[in-house]
Amino acid sequence: MPHHHYLTGSQIDVIAKLMPRIQYLQDRGLTRQQIIDTLVIAEGWSHGAVMDTLDRIKRMRPNRSSAT
């Protein structure tokens, strides 16, 4: 299973587009699984891109909890 790899320019663009979308869904109170389902199933984003972006956001905001 390949894990961390260097990002291409297009991958960086995808993450840049996904970050505000994920943060918006988090702010609306969606769980991690609901965010994944919304972006991957309903909106057609790559599962890997969504997971990578979620992990990046988690590293940026380690104390953030989904329950407020």
PDB file of N, CA and C in Angstrom:
ATOM      1  N   MET A   1       0.834  -1.181   0.000  1.00  0.00           N
ATOM      2  CA  MET A   1       0.000   0.000   0.000  1.00  0.00           C
ATOM      3  C   MET A   1       0.880   1.246   0.000  1.00  0.00           C
ATOM      4  N   PRO A   2       0.861   2.019  -1.066  1.00  0.00           N
ATOM      5  CA  PRO A   2       1.675   3.242  -1.074  1.00  0.00           C
ATOM      6  C   PRO A   2       1.087   4.277  -0.129  1.00  0.00           C
ATOM      7  N   HIS A   3       1.974   4.892   0.618  1.00  0.00           N
ATOM      8  CA  HIS A   3       1.503   5.945   1.503  1.00  0.00           C
ATOM      9  C   HIS A   3       2.086   7.267   1.032  1.00  0.00           C
ATOM     10  N   HIS A   4       2.737   7.981   1.885  1.00  0.00           N
ATOM     11  CA  HIS A   4       3.184   9.339   1.573  1.00  0.00           C
ATOM     12  C   HIS A   4       4.082   9.369   0.336  1.00  0.00           C
ATOM     13  N   HIS A   5       3.776  10.298  -0.540  1.00  0.00           N
ATOM     14  CA  HIS A   5       4.570  10.501  -1.740  1.00  0.00           C
ATOM     15  C   HIS A   5       4.621  11.992  -2.019  1.00  0.00           C
ATOM     16  N   TYR A   6       5.498  12.370  -2.925  1.00  0.00           N
ATOM     17  CA  TYR A   6       5.579  13.780  -3.279  1.00  0.00           C
ATOM     18  C   TYR A   6       4.354  14.181  -4.082  1.00  0.00           C
ATOM     19  N   LEU A   7       3.863  15.374  -3.825  1.00  0.00           N
ATOM     20  CA  LEU A   7       2.664  15.848  -4.497  1.00  0.00           C
ATOM     21  C   LEU A   7       3.009  16.517  -5.814  1.00  0.00           C
ATOM     22  N   THR A   8       2.182  16.271  -6.808  1.00  0.00           N
ATOM     23  CA  THR A   8       2.319  16.972  -8.079  1.00  0.00           C
ATOM     24  C   THR A   8       1.588  18.308  -7.970  1.00  0.00           C
ATOM     25  N   GLY A   9       1.782  19.145  -8.935  1.00  0.00           N
ATOM     26  CA  GLY A   9       1.094  20.433  -8.951  1.00  0.00           C
ATOM     27  C   GLY A   9      -0.407  20.272  -8.953  1.00  0.00           C
ATOM     28  N   SER A  10      -0.907  19.293  -9.722  1.00  0.00           N
ATOM     29  CA  SER A  10      -2.359  19.105  -9.773  1.00  0.00           C
ATOM     30  C   SER A  10      -2.898  18.575  -8.446  1.00  0.00           C
ATOM     31  N   GLN A  11      -2.110  17.758  -7.736  1.00  0.00           N
ATOM     32  CA  GLN A  11      -2.541  17.285  -6.416  1.00  0.00           C
ATOM     33  C   GLN A  11      -2.615  18.445  -5.428  1.00  0.00           C
ATOM     34  N   ILE A  12      -1.662  19.344  -5.507  1.00  0.00           N
ATOM     35  CA  ILE A  12      -1.673  20.524  -4.639  1.00  0.00           C
ATOM     36  C   ILE A  12      -2.914  21.367  -4.937  1.00  0.00           C
ATOM     37  N   ASP A  13      -3.262  21.489  -6.214  1.00  0.00           N
ATOM     38  CA  ASP A  13      -4.466  22.233  -6.598  1.00  0.00           C
ATOM     39  C   ASP A  13      -5.725  21.591  -6.027  1.00  0.00           C
ATOM     40  N   VAL A  14      -5.801  20.255  -6.078  1.00  0.00           N
ATOM     41  CA  VAL A  14      -6.968  19.546  -5.549  1.00  0.00           C
ATOM     42  C   VAL A  14      -7.079  19.779  -4.047  1.00  0.00           C
ATOM     43  N   ILE A  15      -5.966  19.664  -3.337  1.00  0.00           N
ATOM     44  CA  ILE A  15      -5.977  19.883  -1.887  1.00  0.00           C
ATOM     45  C   ILE A  15      -6.397  21.314  -1.573  1.00  0.00           C
ATOM     46  N   ALA A  16      -5.901  22.259  -2.358  1.00  0.00           N
ATOM     47  CA  ALA A  16      -6.266  23.661  -2.141  1.00  0.00           C
ATOM     48  C   ALA A  16      -7.764  23.884  -2.342  1.00  0.00           C
ATOM     49  N   LYS A  17      -8.376  23.135  -3.247  1.00  0.00           N
ATOM     50  CA  LYS A  17      -9.825  23.256  -3.463  1.00  0.00           C
ATOM     51  C   LYS A  17     -10.620  22.504  -2.394  1.00  0.00           C
ATOM     52  N   LEU A  18     -10.081  21.373  -1.945  1.00  0.00           N
ATOM     53  CA  LEU A  18     -10.796  20.568  -0.956  1.00  0.00           C
ATOM     54  C   LEU A  18     -10.751  21.162   0.449  1.00  0.00           C
ATOM     55  N   MET A  19      -9.645  21.802   0.807  1.00  0.00           N
ATOM     56  CA  MET A  19      -9.501  22.301   2.184  1.00  0.00           C
ATOM     57  C   MET A  19     -10.655  23.190   2.624  1.00  0.00           C
ATOM     58  N   PRO A  20     -10.982  24.239   1.875  1.00  0.00           N
ATOM     59  CA  PRO A  20     -12.095  25.084   2.338  1.00  0.00           C
ATOM     60  C   PRO A  20     -13.430  24.341   2.330  1.00  0.00           C
ATOM     61  N   ARG A  21     -13.602  23.409   1.390  1.00  0.00           N
ATOM     62  CA  ARG A  21     -14.841  22.627   1.335  1.00  0.00           C
ATOM     63  C   ARG A  21     -14.965  21.743   2.579  1.00  0.00           C
ATOM     64  N   ILE A  22     -13.884  21.072   2.955  1.00  0.00           N
ATOM     65  CA  ILE A  22     -13.896  20.216   4.141  1.00  0.00           C
ATOM     66  C   ILE A  22     -14.106  21.054   5.399  1.00  0.00           C
ATOM     67  N   GLN A  23     -13.424  22.183   5.480  1.00  0.00           N
ATOM     68  CA  GLN A  23     -13.578  23.041   6.654  1.00  0.00           C
ATOM     69  C   GLN A  23     -15.022  23.538   6.770  1.00  0.00           C
ATOM     70  N   TYR A  24     -15.639  23.844   5.631  1.00  0.00           N
ATOM     71  CA  TYR A  24     -17.044  24.262   5.636  1.00  0.00           C
ATOM     72  C   TYR A  24     -17.934  23.139   6.174  1.00  0.00           C
ATOM     73  N   LEU A  25     -17.717  21.916   5.688  1.00  0.00           N
ATOM     74  CA  LEU A  25     -18.532  20.785   6.142  1.00  0.00           C
ATOM     75  C   LEU A  25     -18.298  20.493   7.620  1.00  0.00           C
ATOM     76  N   GLN A  26     -17.051  20.632   8.083  1.00  0.00           N
ATOM     77  CA  GLN A  26     -16.761  20.461   9.509  1.00  0.00           C
ATOM     78  C   GLN A  26     -17.506  21.508  10.327  1.00  0.00           C
ATOM     79  N   ASP A  27     -17.469  22.739   9.861  1.00  0.00           N
ATOM     80  CA  ASP A  27     -18.146  23.827  10.578  1.00  0.00           C
ATOM     81  C   ASP A  27     -19.664  23.619  10.620  1.00  0.00           C
ATOM     82  N   ARG A  28     -20.197  22.898   9.626  1.00  0.00           N
ATOM     83  CA  ARG A  28     -21.631  22.584   9.589  1.00  0.00           C
ATOM     84  C   ARG A  28     -21.969  21.410  10.503  1.00  0.00           C
ATOM     85  N   GLY A  29     -20.941  20.786  11.116  1.00  0.00           N
ATOM     86  CA  GLY A  29     -21.180  19.728  12.086  1.00  0.00           C
ATOM     87  C   GLY A  29     -21.145  18.311  11.534  1.00  0.00           C
ATOM     88  N   LEU A  30     -20.727  18.126  10.285  1.00  0.00           N
ATOM     89  CA  LEU A  30     -20.658  16.783   9.733  1.00  0.00           C
ATOM     90  C   LEU A  30     -19.508  15.996  10.371  1.00  0.00           C
ATOM     91  N   THR A  31     -19.722  14.698  10.550  1.00  0.00           N
ATOM     92  CA  THR A  31     -18.664  13.837  11.063  1.00  0.00           C
ATOM     93  C   THR A  31     -17.647  13.573   9.956  1.00  0.00           C
ATOM     94  N   ARG A  32     -16.499  13.023  10.337  1.00  0.00           N
ATOM     95  CA  ARG A  32     -15.460  12.682   9.353  1.00  0.00           C
ATOM     96  C   ARG A  32     -16.036  11.759   8.272  1.00  0.00           C
ATOM     97  N   GLN A  33     -16.804  10.740   8.686  1.00  0.00           N
ATOM     98  CA  GLN A  33     -17.363   9.798   7.703  1.00  0.00           C
ATOM     99  C   GLN A  33     -18.387  10.481   6.805  1.00  0.00           C
ATOM    100  N   GLN A  34     -19.190  11.378   7.359  1.00  0.00           N
ATOM    101  CA  GLN A  34     -20.165  12.099   6.544  1.00  0.00           C
ATOM    102  C   GLN A  34     -19.469  12.992   5.522  1.00  0.00           C
ATOM    103  N   ILE A  35     -18.354  13.592   5.928  1.00  0.00           N
ATOM    104  CA  ILE A  35     -17.581  14.432   5.005  1.00  0.00           C
ATOM    105  C   ILE A  35     -17.024  13.572   3.871  1.00  0.00           C
ATOM    106  N   ILE A  36     -16.463  12.415   4.225  1.00  0.00           N
ATOM    107  CA  ILE A  36     -15.915  11.515   3.198  1.00  0.00           C
ATOM    108  C   ILE A  36     -17.026  11.091   2.241  1.00  0.00           C
ATOM    109  N   ASP A  37     -18.164  10.672   2.781  1.00  0.00           N
ATOM    110  CA  ASP A  37     -19.286  10.240   1.933  1.00  0.00           C
ATOM    111  C   ASP A  37     -19.765  11.368   1.023  1.00  0.00           C
ATOM    112  N   THR A  38     -19.883  12.558   1.580  1.00  0.00           N
ATOM    113  CA  THR A  38     -20.351  13.703   0.797  1.00  0.00           C
ATOM    114  C   THR A  38     -19.401  14.006  -0.358  1.00  0.00           C
ATOM    115  N   LEU A  39     -18.115  14.062  -0.058  1.00  0.00           N
ATOM    116  CA  LEU A  39     -17.152  14.464  -1.082  1.00  0.00           C
ATOM    117  C   LEU A  39     -16.860  13.360  -2.096  1.00  0.00           C
ATOM    118  N   VAL A  40     -16.732  12.126  -1.628  1.00  0.00           N
ATOM    119  CA  VAL A  40     -16.362  11.027  -2.526  1.00  0.00           C
ATOM    120  C   VAL A  40     -17.576  10.514  -3.297  1.00  0.00           C
ATOM    121  N   ILE A  41     -18.651  10.222  -2.589  1.00  0.00           N
ATOM    122  CA  ILE A  41     -19.815   9.607  -3.239  1.00  0.00           C
ATOM    123  C   ILE A  41     -20.667  10.655  -3.955  1.00  0.00           C
ATOM    124  N   ALA A  42     -21.043  11.700  -3.224  1.00  0.00           N
ATOM    125  CA  ALA A  42     -21.971  12.680  -3.798  1.00  0.00           C
ATOM    126  C   ALA A  42     -21.312  13.643  -4.776  1.00  0.00           C
ATOM    127  N   GLU A  43     -20.065  14.045  -4.482  1.00  0.00           N
ATOM    128  CA  GLU A  43     -19.430  15.067  -5.316  1.00  0.00           C
ATOM    129  C   GLU A  43     -18.360  14.524  -6.253  1.00  0.00           C
ATOM    130  N   GLY A  44     -17.968  13.250  -6.066  1.00  0.00           N
ATOM    131  CA  GLY A  44     -17.049  12.629  -7.014  1.00  0.00           C
ATOM    132  C   GLY A  44     -15.567  12.906  -6.820  1.00  0.00           C
ATOM    133  N   TRP A  45     -15.179  13.388  -5.643  1.00  0.00           N
ATOM    134  CA  TRP A  45     -13.758  13.622  -5.379  1.00  0.00           C
ATOM    135  C   TRP A  45     -13.043  12.292  -5.169  1.00  0.00           C
ATOM    136  N   SER A  46     -11.764  12.259  -5.409  1.00  0.00           N
ATOM    137  CA  SER A  46     -10.951  11.075  -5.178  1.00  0.00           C
ATOM    138  C   SER A  46     -10.884  10.772  -3.679  1.00  0.00           C
ATOM    139  N   HIS A  47     -11.083   9.503  -3.308  1.00  0.00           N
ATOM    140  CA  HIS A  47     -11.017   9.107  -1.898  1.00  0.00           C
ATOM    141  C   HIS A  47      -9.651   9.441  -1.317  1.00  0.00           C
ATOM    142  N   GLY A  48      -8.594   9.153  -2.054  1.00  0.00           N
ATOM    143  CA  GLY A  48      -7.242   9.442  -1.574  1.00  0.00           C
ATOM    144  C   GLY A  48      -7.020  10.923  -1.327  1.00  0.00           C
ATOM    145  N   ALA A  49      -7.530  11.749  -2.223  1.00  0.00           N
ATOM    146  CA  ALA A  49      -7.366  13.194  -2.065  1.00  0.00           C
ATOM    147  C   ALA A  49      -8.127  13.698  -0.841  1.00  0.00           C
ATOM    148  N   VAL A  50      -9.334  13.174  -0.642  1.00  0.00           N
ATOM    149  CA  VAL A  50     -10.134  13.578   0.517  1.00  0.00           C
ATOM    150  C   VAL A  50      -9.434  13.163   1.808  1.00  0.00           C
ATOM    151  N   MET A  51      -8.961  11.910   1.858  1.00  0.00           N
ATOM    152  CA  MET A  51      -8.298  11.419   3.062  1.00  0.00           C
ATOM    153  C   MET A  51      -7.027  12.211   3.351  1.00  0.00           C
ATOM    154  N   ASP A  52      -6.245  12.476   2.321  1.00  0.00           N
ATOM    155  CA  ASP A  52      -5.006  13.233   2.501  1.00  0.00           C
ATOM    156  C   ASP A  52      -5.305  14.635   3.019  1.00  0.00           C
ATOM    157  N   THR A  53      -6.322  15.260   2.463  1.00  0.00           N
ATOM    158  CA  THR A  53      -6.679  16.615   2.890  1.00  0.00           C
ATOM    159  C   THR A  53      -7.204  16.612   4.320  1.00  0.00           C
ATOM    160  N   LEU A  54      -8.024  15.622   4.673  1.00  0.00           N
ATOM    161  CA  LEU A  54      -8.497  15.517   6.056  1.00  0.00           C
ATOM    162  C   LEU A  54      -7.323  15.364   7.021  1.00  0.00           C
ATOM    163  N   ASP A  55      -6.351  14.538   6.653  1.00  0.00           N
ATOM    164  CA  ASP A  55      -5.173  14.351   7.504  1.00  0.00           C
ATOM    165  C   ASP A  55      -4.374  15.643   7.644  1.00  0.00           C
ATOM    166  N   ARG A  56      -4.255  16.385   6.561  1.00  0.00           N
ATOM    167  CA  ARG A  56      -3.529  17.664   6.612  1.00  0.00           C
ATOM    168  C   ARG A  56      -4.237  18.659   7.524  1.00  0.00           C
ATOM    169  N   ILE A  57      -5.555  18.714   7.422  1.00  0.00           N
ATOM    170  CA  ILE A  57      -6.322  19.623   8.281  1.00  0.00           C
ATOM    171  C   ILE A  57      -6.179  19.201   9.741  1.00  0.00           C
ATOM    172  N   LYS A  58      -6.226  17.910   9.991  1.00  0.00           N
ATOM    173  CA  LYS A  58      -6.088  17.416  11.362  1.00  0.00           C
ATOM    174  C   LYS A  58      -4.727  17.800  11.943  1.00  0.00           C
ATOM    175  N   ARG A  59      -3.678  17.715  11.134  1.00  0.00           N
ATOM    176  CA  ARG A  59      -2.339  18.112  11.603  1.00  0.00           C
ATOM    177  C   ARG A  59      -2.266  19.619  11.854  1.00  0.00           C
ATOM    178  N   MET A  60      -3.013  20.391  11.075  1.00  0.00           N
ATOM    179  CA  MET A  60      -3.006  21.841  11.244  1.00  0.00           C
ATOM    180  C   MET A  60      -3.792  22.263  12.478  1.00  0.00           C
ATOM    181  N   ARG A  61      -4.863  21.514  12.790  1.00  0.00           N
ATOM    182  CA  ARG A  61      -5.748  21.868  13.903  1.00  0.00           C
ATOM    183  C   ARG A  61      -5.906  20.648  14.811  1.00  0.00           C
ATOM    184  N   PRO A  62      -4.847  20.243  15.518  1.00  0.00           N
ATOM    185  CA  PRO A  62      -4.890  18.990  16.277  1.00  0.00           C
ATOM    186  C   PRO A  62      -5.886  18.980  17.429  1.00  0.00           C
ATOM    187  N   ASN A  63      -6.276  20.119  17.960  1.00  0.00           N
ATOM    188  CA  ASN A  63      -7.185  20.142  19.103  1.00  0.00           C
ATOM    189  C   ASN A  63      -8.645  20.258  18.695  1.00  0.00           C
ATOM    190  N   ARG A  64      -8.893  20.289  17.406  1.00  0.00           N
ATOM    191  CA  ARG A  64     -10.273  20.438  16.932  1.00  0.00           C
ATOM    192  C   ARG A  64     -11.050  19.149  17.182  1.00  0.00           C
ATOM    193  N   SER A  65     -12.232  19.319  17.701  1.00  0.00           N
ATOM    194  CA  SER A  65     -13.101  18.173  17.956  1.00  0.00           C
ATOM    195  C   SER A  65     -14.339  18.308  17.083  1.00  0.00           C
ATOM    196  N   SER A  66     -14.892  17.189  16.667  1.00  0.00           N
ATOM    197  CA  SER A  66     -16.090  17.264  15.826  1.00  0.00           C
ATOM    198  C   SER A  66     -17.335  17.575  16.657  1.00  0.00           C
ATOM    199  N   ALA A  67     -17.254  17.371  17.953  1.00  0.00           N
ATOM    200  CA  ALA A  67     -18.403  17.695  18.816  1.00  0.00           C
ATOM    201  C   ALA A  67     -18.169  19.069  19.452  1.00  0.00           C
ATOM    202  N   THR A  68     -19.161  19.943  19.297  1.00  0.00           N
ATOM    203  CA  THR A  68     -19.038  21.283  19.893  1.00  0.00           C
ATOM    204  C   THR A  68     -20.124  21.515  20.911  1.00  0.00           C
TER     205      THR A  68
END
